[in-house]
C-alpha atoms as a PDB file:
ATOM      1  CA  MET A   1      -2.368  -7.442  -9.427  1.00  0.00           C
ATOM      2  CA  ILE A   2       0.815  -6.073  -7.881  1.00  0.00           C
ATOM      3  CA  ILE A   3       1.089  -2.277  -7.679  1.00  0.00           C
ATOM      4  CA  PRO A   4       4.658  -1.124  -6.938  1.00  0.00           C
ATOM      5  CA  VAL A   5       5.083   1.518  -4.249  1.00  0.00           C
ATOM      6  CA  LEU A   6       7.411   4.519  -4.407  1.00  0.00           C
ATOM      7  CA  ASP A   7       7.827   7.069  -1.621  1.00  0.00           C
ATOM      8  CA  LEU A   8       9.337  10.344  -2.833  1.00  0.00           C
ATOM      9  CA  LYS A   9      11.280  12.810  -0.713  1.00  0.00           C
ATOM     10  CA  ASN A  10      13.556  15.627  -1.903  1.00  0.00           C
ATOM     11  CA  GLY A  11      13.365  14.405  -5.491  1.00  0.00           C
ATOM     12  CA  GLU A  12      14.377  10.808  -4.897  1.00  0.00           C
ATOM     13  CA  ALA A  13      12.789   7.474  -4.038  1.00  0.00           C
ATOM     14  CA  VAL A  14      13.202   6.581  -0.374  1.00  0.00           C
ATOM     15  CA  SER A  15      12.442   3.651   1.886  1.00  0.00           C
ATOM     16  CA  GLY A  16      11.487   3.349   5.523  1.00  0.00           C
ATOM     17  CA  LYS A  17       9.697   1.244   8.078  1.00  0.00           C
ATOM     18  CA  SER A  18       6.340   1.595   9.821  1.00  0.00           C
ATOM     19  CA  GLY A  19       5.773   5.147   8.623  1.00  0.00           C
ATOM     20  CA  MET A  20       8.743   6.643  10.518  1.00  0.00           C
ATOM     21  CA  ARG A  21       9.464   9.249   7.844  1.00  0.00           C
ATOM     22  CA  ASP A  22      12.317  11.006   9.629  1.00  0.00           C
ATOM     23  CA  SER A  23      14.427   7.872   9.275  1.00  0.00           C
ATOM     24  CA  TYR A  24      13.721   7.243   5.574  1.00  0.00           C
ATOM     25  CA  SER A  25      16.821   6.710   3.419  1.00  0.00           C
ATOM     26  CA  SER A  26      17.533   6.447  -0.324  1.00  0.00           C
ATOM     27  CA  LEU A  27      15.754   3.464  -1.836  1.00  0.00           C
ATOM     28  CA  LYS A  28      17.892   0.513  -2.869  1.00  0.00           C
ATOM     29  CA  THR A  29      15.959  -1.418  -5.492  1.00  0.00           C
ATOM     30  CA  VAL A  30      16.543  -4.277  -7.911  1.00  0.00           C
ATOM     31  CA  PHE A  31      14.883  -2.130 -10.586  1.00  0.00           C
ATOM     32  CA  SER A  32      17.615   0.513 -10.800  1.00  0.00           C
ATOM     33  CA  SER A  33      21.204   1.227  -9.783  1.00  0.00           C
ATOM     34  CA  SER A  34      20.035   4.563  -8.362  1.00  0.00           C
ATOM     35  CA  SER A  35      17.111   6.031  -6.410  1.00  0.00           C
ATOM     36  CA  ASN A  36      16.033   8.116  -9.421  1.00  0.00           C
ATOM     37  CA  PRO A  37      12.212   7.750  -9.643  1.00  0.00           C
ATOM     38  CA  ILE A  38      12.198   8.124 -13.432  1.00  0.00           C
ATOM     39  CA  LYS A  39      14.713   5.316 -13.932  1.00  0.00           C
ATOM     40  CA  ILE A  40      12.823   3.078 -11.528  1.00  0.00           C
ATOM     41  CA  ALA A  41       9.517   3.791 -13.305  1.00  0.00           C
ATOM     42  CA  GLU A  42      11.048   2.984 -16.691  1.00  0.00           C
ATOM     43  CA  SER A  43      12.299  -0.336 -15.359  1.00  0.00           C
ATOM     44  CA  LEU A  44       8.932  -1.174 -13.778  1.00  0.00           C
ATOM     45  CA  LYS A  45       7.229  -0.388 -17.089  1.00  0.00           C
ATOM     46  CA  LYS A  46       9.563  -2.800 -18.898  1.00  0.00           C
ATOM     47  CA  GLU A  47       8.739  -5.462 -16.317  1.00  0.00           C
ATOM     48  CA  GLY A  48       5.060  -5.125 -17.207  1.00  0.00           C
ATOM     49  CA  TYR A  49       3.608  -3.276 -14.241  1.00  0.00           C
ATOM     50  CA  LYS A  50       0.434  -1.357 -15.113  1.00  0.00           C
ATOM     51  CA  GLU A  51       0.123   1.117 -12.236  1.00  0.00           C
ATOM     52  CA  ILE A  52       2.344   2.633  -9.584  1.00  0.00           C
ATOM     53  CA  TYR A  53       1.510   4.061  -6.158  1.00  0.00           C
ATOM     54  CA  ILE A  54       3.428   7.198  -5.187  1.00  0.00           C
ATOM     55  CA  ALA A  55       3.371   8.881  -1.794  1.00  0.00           C
ATOM     56  CA  ASP A  56       4.800  12.389  -2.048  1.00  0.00           C
ATOM     57  CA  LEU A  57       6.182  12.651   1.473  1.00  0.00           C
ATOM     58  CA  ASP A  58       7.194  16.299   1.067  1.00  0.00           C
ATOM     59  CA  SER A  59       3.675  17.279   0.045  1.00  0.00           C
ATOM     60  CA  ILE A  60       2.102  15.120   2.756  1.00  0.00           C
ATOM     61  CA  ASP A  61       4.294  16.776   5.388  1.00  0.00           C
ATOM     62  CA  GLY A  62       3.698  20.265   3.960  1.00  0.00           C
ATOM     63  CA  HIS A  63       7.309  20.878   2.901  1.00  0.00           C
ATOM     64  CA  GLY A  64       7.146  21.397  -0.870  1.00  0.00           C
ATOM     65  CA  SER A  65       6.327  18.677  -3.380  1.00  0.00           C
ATOM     66  CA  ASN A  66       7.647  16.341  -6.058  1.00  0.00           C
ATOM     67  CA  PHE A  67       4.792  16.996  -8.494  1.00  0.00           C
ATOM     68  CA  SER A  68       7.001  17.626 -11.536  1.00  0.00           C
ATOM     69  CA  ILE A  69       8.611  14.207 -11.043  1.00  0.00           C
ATOM     70  CA  VAL A  70       5.208  12.614 -10.534  1.00  0.00           C
ATOM     71  CA  CYS A  71       4.045  14.067 -13.873  1.00  0.00           C
ATOM     72  CA  GLU A  72       7.074  12.529 -15.605  1.00  0.00           C
ATOM     73  CA  VAL A  73       6.442   9.154 -13.996  1.00  0.00           C
ATOM     74  CA  ASN A  74       2.764   9.352 -14.950  1.00  0.00           C
ATOM     75  CA  ASP A  75       3.817   9.693 -18.602  1.00  0.00           C
ATOM     76  CA  ILE A  76       5.662   6.382 -18.220  1.00  0.00           C
ATOM     77  CA  ILE A  77       3.243   4.391 -16.064  1.00  0.00           C
ATOM     78  CA  PRO A  78      -0.128   5.535 -14.614  1.00  0.00           C
ATOM     79  CA  VAL A  79       0.263   6.925 -11.097  1.00  0.00           C
ATOM     80  CA  MET A  80      -2.053   6.764  -8.117  1.00  0.00           C
ATOM     81  CA  LEU A  81      -0.770   9.675  -6.044  1.00  0.00           C
ATOM     82  CA  ASP A  82      -1.073  10.457  -2.357  1.00  0.00           C
ATOM     83  CA  PRO A  83      -0.149  14.167  -2.118  1.00  0.00           C
ATOM     84  CA  GLY A  84      -1.620  14.702   1.366  1.00  0.00           C
ATOM     85  CA  ILE A  85      -5.076  16.006   0.458  1.00  0.00           C
ATOM     86  CA  ASN A  86      -6.683  18.197   3.147  1.00  0.00           C
ATOM     87  CA  ASN A  87      -9.741  19.510   1.318  1.00  0.00           C
ATOM     88  CA  VAL A  88     -11.548  19.861  -1.996  1.00  0.00           C
ATOM     89  CA  ASP A  89      -9.318  22.733  -3.152  1.00  0.00           C
ATOM     90  CA  ASP A  90      -6.228  20.547  -2.802  1.00  0.00           C
ATOM     91  CA  VAL A  91      -7.719  18.088  -5.294  1.00  0.00           C
ATOM     92  CA  LYS A  92      -8.136  20.846  -7.911  1.00  0.00           C
ATOM     93  CA  ASP A  93      -4.434  21.674  -7.597  1.00  0.00           C
ATOM     94  CA  VAL A  94      -3.194  18.139  -8.326  1.00  0.00           C
ATOM     95  CA  LEU A  95      -5.907  16.568 -10.467  1.00  0.00           C
ATOM     96  CA  ASN A  96      -3.804  16.724 -13.649  1.00  0.00           C
ATOM     97  CA  THR A  97      -0.638  15.486 -11.948  1.00  0.00           C
ATOM     98  CA  ALA A  98      -1.500  11.784 -11.883  1.00  0.00           C
ATOM     99  CA  GLU A  99      -3.975   9.244 -13.244  1.00  0.00           C
ATOM    100  CA  LYS A 100      -5.697   8.954  -9.848  1.00  0.00           C
ATOM    101  CA  ILE A 101      -5.571  11.049  -6.690  1.00  0.00           C
ATOM    102  CA  ILE A 102      -5.647   9.376  -3.298  1.00  0.00           C
ATOM    103  CA  ILE A 103      -7.797  10.938  -0.585  1.00  0.00           C
ATOM    104  CA  ALA A 104      -6.353   9.674   2.684  1.00  0.00           C
ATOM    105  CA  THR A 105      -7.783   9.666   6.191  1.00  0.00           C
ATOM    106  CA  GLU A 106      -4.318  10.645   7.454  1.00  0.00           C
ATOM    107  CA  THR A 107      -4.536  14.159   6.023  1.00  0.00           C
ATOM    108  CA  ILE A 108      -8.200  14.978   5.315  1.00  0.00           C
ATOM    109  CA  ASN A 109      -9.423  17.982   7.330  1.00  0.00           C
ATOM    110  CA  ASN A 110     -12.761  16.420   8.232  1.00  0.00           C
ATOM    111  CA  LEU A 111     -15.159  13.753   7.014  1.00  0.00           C
ATOM    112  CA  ASP A 112     -17.472  16.299   5.377  1.00  0.00           C
ATOM    113  CA  GLU A 113     -14.659  17.056   2.920  1.00  0.00           C
ATOM    114  CA  LEU A 114     -14.943  13.468   1.679  1.00  0.00           C
ATOM    115  CA  ASP A 115     -18.558  14.099   0.678  1.00  0.00           C
ATOM    116  CA  LEU A 116     -17.577  17.294  -1.140  1.00  0.00           C
ATOM    117  CA  ILE A 117     -14.653  15.694  -2.959  1.00  0.00           C
ATOM    118  CA  PHE A 118     -16.449  12.560  -4.085  1.00  0.00           C
ATOM    119  CA  SER A 119     -19.493  14.548  -5.225  1.00  0.00           C
ATOM    120  CA  LYS A 120     -17.428  17.090  -7.184  1.00  0.00           C
ATOM    121  CA  PHE A 121     -14.952  14.862  -9.040  1.00  0.00           C
ATOM    122  CA  SER A 122     -15.260  11.641 -11.019  1.00  0.00           C
ATOM    123  CA  GLU A 123     -15.052   8.601  -8.783  1.00  0.00           C
ATOM    124  CA  HIS A 124     -12.709   7.034 -11.354  1.00  0.00           C
ATOM    125  CA  SER A 125     -10.114   9.746 -10.725  1.00  0.00           C
ATOM    126  CA  LEU A 126     -10.196   9.281  -6.942  1.00  0.00           C
ATOM    127  CA  ILE A 127      -9.185   6.569  -4.496  1.00  0.00           C
ATOM    128  CA  LEU A 128     -10.099   6.622  -0.821  1.00  0.00           C
ATOM    129  CA  SER A 129      -7.285   5.519   1.485  1.00  0.00           C
ATOM    130  CA  VAL A 130      -8.108   4.264   4.956  1.00  0.00           C
ATOM    131  CA  ASP A 131      -4.835   4.616   6.842  1.00  0.00           C
ATOM    132  CA  VAL A 132      -4.428   2.404   9.879  1.00  0.00           C
ATOM    133  CA  LYS A 133      -1.718   2.494  12.528  1.00  0.00           C
ATOM    134  CA  ASP A 134      -1.597   0.301  15.628  1.00  0.00           C
ATOM    135  CA  ASN A 135      -5.153  -0.886  14.874  1.00  0.00           C
ATOM    136  CA  ASN A 136      -6.584   2.641  14.853  1.00  0.00           C
ATOM    137  CA  ILE A 137      -7.594   4.931  11.984  1.00  0.00           C
ATOM    138  CA  LEU A 138      -4.730   7.345  11.394  1.00  0.00           C
ATOM    139  CA  SER A 139      -5.781  10.982  10.994  1.00  0.00           C
ATOM    140  CA  LYS A 140      -3.829  14.148  11.807  1.00  0.00           C
ATOM    141  CA  ASN A 141      -6.753  16.562  11.723  1.00  0.00           C
ATOM    142  CA  VAL A 142      -9.868  14.791  12.990  1.00  0.00           C
ATOM    143  CA  LYS A 143     -10.669  11.851  15.227  1.00  0.00           C
ATOM    144  CA  ILE A 144     -12.034   8.966  13.131  1.00  0.00           C
ATOM    145  CA  ASN A 145     -12.991   5.477  14.218  1.00  0.00           C
ATOM    146  CA  PHE A 146     -13.782   2.411  12.137  1.00  0.00           C
ATOM    147  CA  GLU A 147     -17.540   2.954  12.385  1.00  0.00           C
ATOM    148  CA  ASP A 148     -17.162   6.533  11.114  1.00  0.00           C
ATOM    149  CA  ILE A 149     -15.199   5.519   8.039  1.00  0.00           C
ATOM    150  CA  THR A 150     -17.297   2.476   7.155  1.00  0.00           C
ATOM    151  CA  GLN A 151     -20.434   4.629   7.294  1.00  0.00           C
ATOM    152  CA  LYS A 152     -18.705   7.155   5.051  1.00  0.00           C
ATOM    153  CA  ILE A 153     -17.711   4.462   2.532  1.00  0.00           C
ATOM    154  CA  GLU A 154     -21.316   3.304   2.405  1.00  0.00           C
ATOM    155  CA  ARG A 155     -22.363   6.895   1.684  1.00  0.00           C
ATOM    156  CA  ILE A 156     -19.789   8.108  -0.862  1.00  0.00           C
ATOM    157  CA  LYS A 157     -19.331   4.729  -2.605  1.00  0.00           C
ATOM    158  CA  PRO A 158     -15.725   5.054  -3.799  1.00  0.00           C
ATOM    159  CA  SER A 159     -14.912   2.770  -6.717  1.00  0.00           C
ATOM    160  CA  GLU A 160     -11.583   1.848  -5.083  1.00  0.00           C
ATOM    161  CA  THR A 161     -10.481   1.921  -1.448  1.00  0.00           C
ATOM    162  CA  ILE A 162      -6.955   1.412  -0.176  1.00  0.00           C
ATOM    163  CA  ILE A 163      -6.590  -0.198   3.234  1.00  0.00           C
ATOM    164  CA  LEU A 164      -3.080   0.826   4.256  1.00  0.00           C
ATOM    165  CA  ASP A 165      -1.634  -0.627   7.448  1.00  0.00           C
ATOM    166  CA  ILE A 166       1.156   1.870   8.070  1.00  0.00           C
ATOM    167  CA  SER A 167       2.443  -0.155  11.027  1.00  0.00           C
ATOM    168  CA  GLY A 168       3.271  -2.924   8.565  1.00  0.00           C
ATOM    169  CA  VAL A 169       5.089  -0.792   5.975  1.00  0.00           C
ATOM    170  CA  GLY A 170       8.563  -2.190   5.322  1.00  0.00           C
ATOM    171  CA  THR A 171       8.118  -5.131   7.707  1.00  0.00           C
ATOM    172  CA  SER A 172       6.979  -7.973   5.368  1.00  0.00           C
ATOM    173  CA  ARG A 173       5.099  -9.356   8.356  1.00  0.00           C
ATOM    174  CA  GLY A 174       1.843 -10.097   6.532  1.00  0.00           C
ATOM    175  CA  PHE A 175      -1.457  -8.228   6.438  1.00  0.00           C
ATOM    176  CA  ASP A 176      -4.067  -8.405   9.198  1.00  0.00           C
ATOM    177  CA  GLN A 177      -7.036 -10.277   7.744  1.00  0.00           C
ATOM    178  CA  ASP A 178      -9.374  -8.820  10.368  1.00  0.00           C
ATOM    179  CA  LEU A 179      -8.910  -5.453   8.658  1.00  0.00           C
ATOM    180  CA  ILE A 180     -10.198  -6.956   5.407  1.00  0.00           C
ATOM    181  CA  ARG A 181     -13.286  -8.300   7.130  1.00  0.00           C
ATOM    182  CA  ARG A 182     -14.196  -4.782   8.266  1.00  0.00           C
ATOM    183  CA  PHE A 183     -14.346  -3.521   4.669  1.00  0.00           C
ATOM    184  CA  ASN A 184     -14.969  -6.324   2.172  1.00  0.00           C
ATOM    185  CA  LYS A 185     -18.755  -6.124   2.609  1.00  0.00           C
ATOM    186  CA  PHE A 186     -18.887  -2.822   0.702  1.00  0.00           C
ATOM    187  CA  ASN A 187     -19.200  -2.347  -3.050  1.00  0.00           C
ATOM    188  CA  THR A 188     -15.705  -0.934  -3.455  1.00  0.00           C
ATOM    189  CA  GLU A 189     -12.612  -2.630  -4.848  1.00  0.00           C
ATOM    190  CA  LEU A 190     -10.092  -3.070  -2.059  1.00  0.00           C
ATOM    191  CA  ILE A 191      -6.395  -2.359  -2.540  1.00  0.00           C
ATOM    192  CA  ILE A 192      -4.278  -3.672   0.313  1.00  0.00           C
ATOM    193  CA  GLY A 193      -0.925  -2.345   1.482  1.00  0.00           C
ATOM    194  CA  GLY A 194       1.454  -2.604   4.415  1.00  0.00           C
ATOM    195  CA  GLY A 195       3.553  -5.691   5.110  1.00  0.00           C
ATOM    196  CA  VAL A 196       1.992  -7.805   2.352  1.00  0.00           C
ATOM    197  CA  THR A 197       3.850 -11.072   1.702  1.00  0.00           C
ATOM    198  CA  LYS A 198       3.538 -13.512  -1.171  1.00  0.00           C
ATOM    199  CA  LYS A 199       1.927 -16.162   1.055  1.00  0.00           C
ATOM    200  CA  ASN A 200      -0.374 -13.554   2.568  1.00  0.00           C
ATOM    201  CA  MET A 201      -1.449 -12.475  -0.923  1.00  0.00           C
ATOM    202  CA  TYR A 202      -2.845 -15.892  -1.783  1.00  0.00           C
ATOM    203  CA  GLU A 203      -4.852 -15.914   1.450  1.00  0.00           C
ATOM    204  CA  LEU A 204      -6.245 -12.439   0.766  1.00  0.00           C
ATOM    205  CA  LYS A 205      -7.239 -13.388  -2.769  1.00  0.00           C
ATOM    206  CA  ARG A 206      -9.555 -15.981  -1.259  1.00  0.00           C
ATOM    207  CA  MET A 207     -11.182 -13.104   0.628  1.00  0.00           C
ATOM    208  CA  GLY A 208     -11.845 -11.256  -2.635  1.00  0.00           C
ATOM    209  CA  VAL A 209      -8.821  -8.934  -2.703  1.00  0.00           C
ATOM    210  CA  HIS A 210      -7.016  -8.747  -6.045  1.00  0.00           C
ATOM    211  CA  LYS A 211      -4.872  -5.592  -5.867  1.00  0.00           C
ATOM    212  CA  PHE A 212      -1.845  -5.267  -3.604  1.00  0.00           C
ATOM    213  CA  LEU A 213       0.537  -2.420  -2.857  1.00  0.00           C
ATOM    214  CA  VAL A 214       4.025  -3.863  -2.509  1.00  0.00           C
ATOM    215  CA  GLY A 215       7.130  -1.835  -1.703  1.00  0.00           C
ATOM    216  CA  THR A 216       9.977  -3.349   0.286  1.00  0.00           C
ATOM    217  CA  ALA A 217       9.321  -6.958  -0.688  1.00  0.00           C
ATOM    218  CA  LEU A 218       9.251  -6.001  -4.375  1.00  0.00           C
ATOM    219  CA  HIS A 219      12.291  -3.732  -4.365  1.00  0.00           C
ATOM    220  CA  THR A 220      14.356  -6.336  -2.505  1.00  0.00           C
ATOM    221  CA  SER A 221      13.212  -9.118  -4.895  1.00  0.00           C
ATOM    222  CA  LYS A 222      11.359 -11.085  -2.221  1.00  0.00           C
ATOM    223  CA  PHE A 223       8.513 -11.172  -4.725  1.00  0.00           C
ATOM    224  CA  ASP A 224       9.283 -13.037  -7.937  1.00  0.00           C
ATOM    225  CA  PHE A 225       6.727 -12.311 -10.684  1.00  0.00           C
END
C-alpha cells in the first residue's frame, strides 16, 4: 500500500531533501498545478489513495501550525499527522485534527511520555514513528539508541510503527534493509519511509513490509500505480 506524503509549511505543500527544512520549496507535483494541499488531496483521492501522511513542519518546529488545513484534508482522505508531539497534553490538543496522530522520536520529551500516551489513548488512533538520521535515532529532547526504542516498542505494543529514514527523504536512493531487520520481529505493522523506490518496495515486501510512505518519487511520477 502506497501512502502519499505531504509536508506542510506556511499553508502550502513543500518539498525538500534529507530533512533540511530551511531549504524546502513549494511542492511541484503531478497531482496538481499548484502546491495547494486541498487540491492535491482531492486529486490523490480520485486516484484511489486511502490514506495520506502529513508532516506539519510549522508545528514540528514550534512556529504555528497548519491544523485547519489538515482538518480539511482529513475530510477528503484520512490523515496520519505528525504535528511534533512532545507530551501527552499535545496529543489531547490535536486528537480530533486527523484520523491518526504520529508520536515521533524526533520531538517526544522523553521515553516515559510514550508509556503515558499509549496507555491513555486508543492504539488505533496513534502511530509510533522511529525517526532515523545517519544511522542514529533522531531525537531533539532526549538521547535514544536502538536498544532503548526496541525495548519501548516491546512494552507499549503500538499497532503501527513508522520507520522513517530522514537521511533518505527526497533522494530515491532506496531503503536500508538492515533497519527493517531491527524492527520486523515485533508485533507491530511497519510503515517504511525515506528514499523508497519501486524496486526497493518489492524487496521489502518479501521482508513482510506492506505499507510505504512515498513523497518525491510519487509527486514526480517515478512511481506508476
